[in-house]
N, C-alpha and C. Protein backbone atom coordinates (compact mmCIF):
# COMPACT_ATOMS: atom_id res chain seq x y z
N UNK A 1 23.81 -7.48 -6.03
CA UNK A 1 22.61 -6.29 -5.84
C UNK A 1 22.37 -6.27 -4.45
N UNK A 2 22.44 -4.99 -4.06
CA UNK A 2 21.97 -4.54 -2.58
C UNK A 2 20.27 -4.45 -2.79
N UNK A 3 19.82 -4.50 -1.40
CA UNK A 3 18.44 -4.55 -1.48
C UNK A 3 17.50 -3.00 -1.62
N UNK A 4 18.71 -2.02 -1.40
CA UNK A 4 18.46 -0.51 -1.98
C UNK A 4 18.54 -0.61 -3.55
N UNK A 5 19.39 -1.13 -3.83
CA UNK A 5 19.66 -1.31 -5.41
C UNK A 5 18.43 -2.11 -6.03
N UNK A 6 18.13 -2.90 -5.54
CA UNK A 6 16.95 -3.94 -5.99
C UNK A 6 15.62 -3.25 -6.12
N UNK A 7 15.45 -2.29 -4.96
CA UNK A 7 14.32 -1.47 -4.76
C UNK A 7 14.18 -0.42 -5.65
N UNK A 8 15.38 0.18 -5.93
CA UNK A 8 15.44 1.44 -6.94
C UNK A 8 15.06 0.84 -8.21
N UNK A 9 15.86 -0.23 -8.62
CA UNK A 9 15.33 -0.97 -10.03
C UNK A 9 13.85 -1.40 -10.14
N UNK A 10 13.28 -1.62 -9.32
CA UNK A 10 12.10 -1.90 -9.26
C UNK A 10 11.12 -0.94 -9.72
N UNK A 11 11.31 0.37 -8.72
CA UNK A 11 10.59 1.34 -8.96
C UNK A 11 10.95 2.08 -10.11
N UNK A 12 12.17 1.85 -10.82
CA UNK A 12 12.39 2.59 -12.19
C UNK A 12 11.45 1.90 -13.24
N UNK A 13 11.35 0.53 -12.82
CA UNK A 13 10.40 -0.25 -14.19
C UNK A 13 9.07 -0.51 -13.79
N UNK A 14 8.62 0.18 -12.84
CA UNK A 14 7.52 0.17 -12.58
C UNK A 14 6.69 1.10 -13.15
N UNK A 15 5.23 0.49 -13.67
CA UNK A 15 4.33 1.73 -14.71
C UNK A 15 4.05 3.02 -13.62
N UNK A 16 4.14 4.13 -14.34
CA UNK A 16 3.98 5.02 -13.65
C UNK A 16 2.89 5.44 -12.70
N UNK A 17 1.74 4.81 -13.14
CA UNK A 17 0.10 4.47 -12.73
C UNK A 17 0.33 4.11 -11.21
N UNK A 18 1.04 2.86 -11.19
CA UNK A 18 1.31 2.08 -9.76
C UNK A 18 2.04 2.90 -8.87
N UNK A 19 3.21 3.86 -9.51
CA UNK A 19 3.90 4.64 -8.45
C UNK A 19 3.07 5.81 -8.13
N UNK A 20 2.28 6.55 -8.94
CA UNK A 20 1.41 7.26 -8.63
C UNK A 20 0.52 6.87 -7.48
N UNK A 21 -0.21 5.44 -7.38
CA UNK A 21 -1.11 5.18 -6.48
C UNK A 21 -0.31 4.83 -4.99
N UNK A 22 0.81 4.44 -5.22
CA UNK A 22 1.40 4.10 -4.01
C UNK A 22 1.93 5.54 -3.37
N UNK A 23 2.49 6.19 -4.01
CA UNK A 23 2.54 7.90 -3.61
C UNK A 23 1.48 8.34 -3.01
N UNK A 24 0.49 8.46 -3.55
CA UNK A 24 -1.12 8.61 -3.07
C UNK A 24 -1.18 8.05 -1.70
N UNK A 25 -1.05 6.70 -1.58
CA UNK A 25 -1.40 6.01 -0.24
C UNK A 25 -0.41 6.28 0.76
N UNK A 26 0.77 6.39 0.36
CA UNK A 26 1.82 6.73 1.26
C UNK A 26 1.41 7.93 2.08
N UNK A 27 0.99 9.24 1.23
CA UNK A 27 0.48 10.35 1.60
C UNK A 27 -0.76 10.46 2.49
N UNK A 28 -1.80 9.69 1.98
CA UNK A 28 -2.87 9.46 3.08
C UNK A 28 -2.70 8.83 4.48
N UNK A 29 -1.41 7.81 4.24
CA UNK A 29 -1.07 7.03 5.56
C UNK A 29 -0.54 8.13 6.20
N UNK A 30 0.50 8.82 5.81
CA UNK A 30 1.30 9.87 6.61
C UNK A 30 0.30 10.87 7.30
N UNK A 31 -0.86 11.39 6.75
CA UNK A 31 -1.93 12.09 7.35
C UNK A 31 -2.93 11.37 8.18
N UNK A 32 -2.67 10.20 8.39
CA UNK A 32 -3.33 9.44 9.19
C UNK A 32 -4.98 8.73 8.64
N UNK A 33 -5.01 8.92 7.13
CA UNK A 33 -6.20 8.62 6.77
C UNK A 33 -6.41 7.25 6.53
N UNK A 34 -6.43 6.33 7.69
CA UNK A 34 -6.01 5.16 7.37
C UNK A 34 -7.16 4.48 8.19
N UNK A 35 -7.45 2.78 7.92
CA UNK A 35 -8.22 2.03 8.80
C UNK A 35 -7.52 1.17 9.48
N UNK A 36 -7.79 0.76 10.67
CA UNK A 36 -6.70 -0.14 11.51
C UNK A 36 -7.21 -1.41 11.14
N UNK A 37 -6.18 -2.27 11.09
CA UNK A 37 -6.35 -3.60 10.46
C UNK A 37 -7.34 -4.49 10.96
N UNK A 38 -7.60 -4.34 12.50
CA UNK A 38 -8.57 -4.87 13.09
C UNK A 38 -10.28 -4.51 12.68
N UNK A 39 -10.17 -3.34 12.47
CA UNK A 39 -11.43 -3.04 11.81
C UNK A 39 -11.54 -3.52 10.58
N UNK A 40 -10.67 -3.61 9.56
CA UNK A 40 -10.92 -4.02 8.02
C UNK A 40 -11.03 -5.81 8.50
N UNK A 41 -10.42 -6.32 9.38
CA UNK A 41 -10.65 -7.64 9.45
C UNK A 41 -12.09 -7.88 10.00
N UNK A 42 -12.66 -7.11 10.70
CA UNK A 42 -13.97 -7.01 11.45
C UNK A 42 -14.95 -7.05 10.26
N UNK A 43 -14.84 -6.10 9.25
CA UNK A 43 -15.69 -5.66 8.20
C UNK A 43 -15.68 -6.72 7.26
N UNK A 44 -14.52 -7.48 7.07
CA UNK A 44 -14.25 -8.79 6.00
C UNK A 44 -15.26 -9.84 6.35
N UNK A 45 -14.91 -10.04 7.83
CA UNK A 45 -15.68 -11.43 8.55
C UNK A 45 -17.17 -11.20 8.39
N UNK A 46 -17.47 -9.81 8.58
CA UNK A 46 -18.93 -9.60 8.41
C UNK A 46 -19.59 -9.63 7.16
N UNK A 47 -18.91 -9.00 5.87
CA UNK A 47 -19.12 -9.03 4.78
C UNK A 47 -19.19 -10.41 4.18
N UNK A 48 -17.97 -11.37 4.37
CA UNK A 48 -17.85 -12.71 3.89
C UNK A 48 -18.15 -13.74 4.55
N UNK A 49 -18.75 -13.48 6.01
CA UNK A 49 -19.50 -14.39 6.86
C UNK A 49 -17.91 -15.52 7.08
N UNK A 50 -16.64 -15.24 7.35
CA UNK A 50 -15.87 -15.63 7.43
C UNK A 50 -15.09 -15.75 9.26
């Protein structure tokens, strides 16, 4: 089974809610509505004192 076939198989068996959430997330990312990883890391460090 190729990687593409495996990926399609996973998507076909995934619950619709998860597929909807992933689709929404990709749209937001494409629009630039994301938080850079370094900002997220800094927030985590501050919040959890790590």
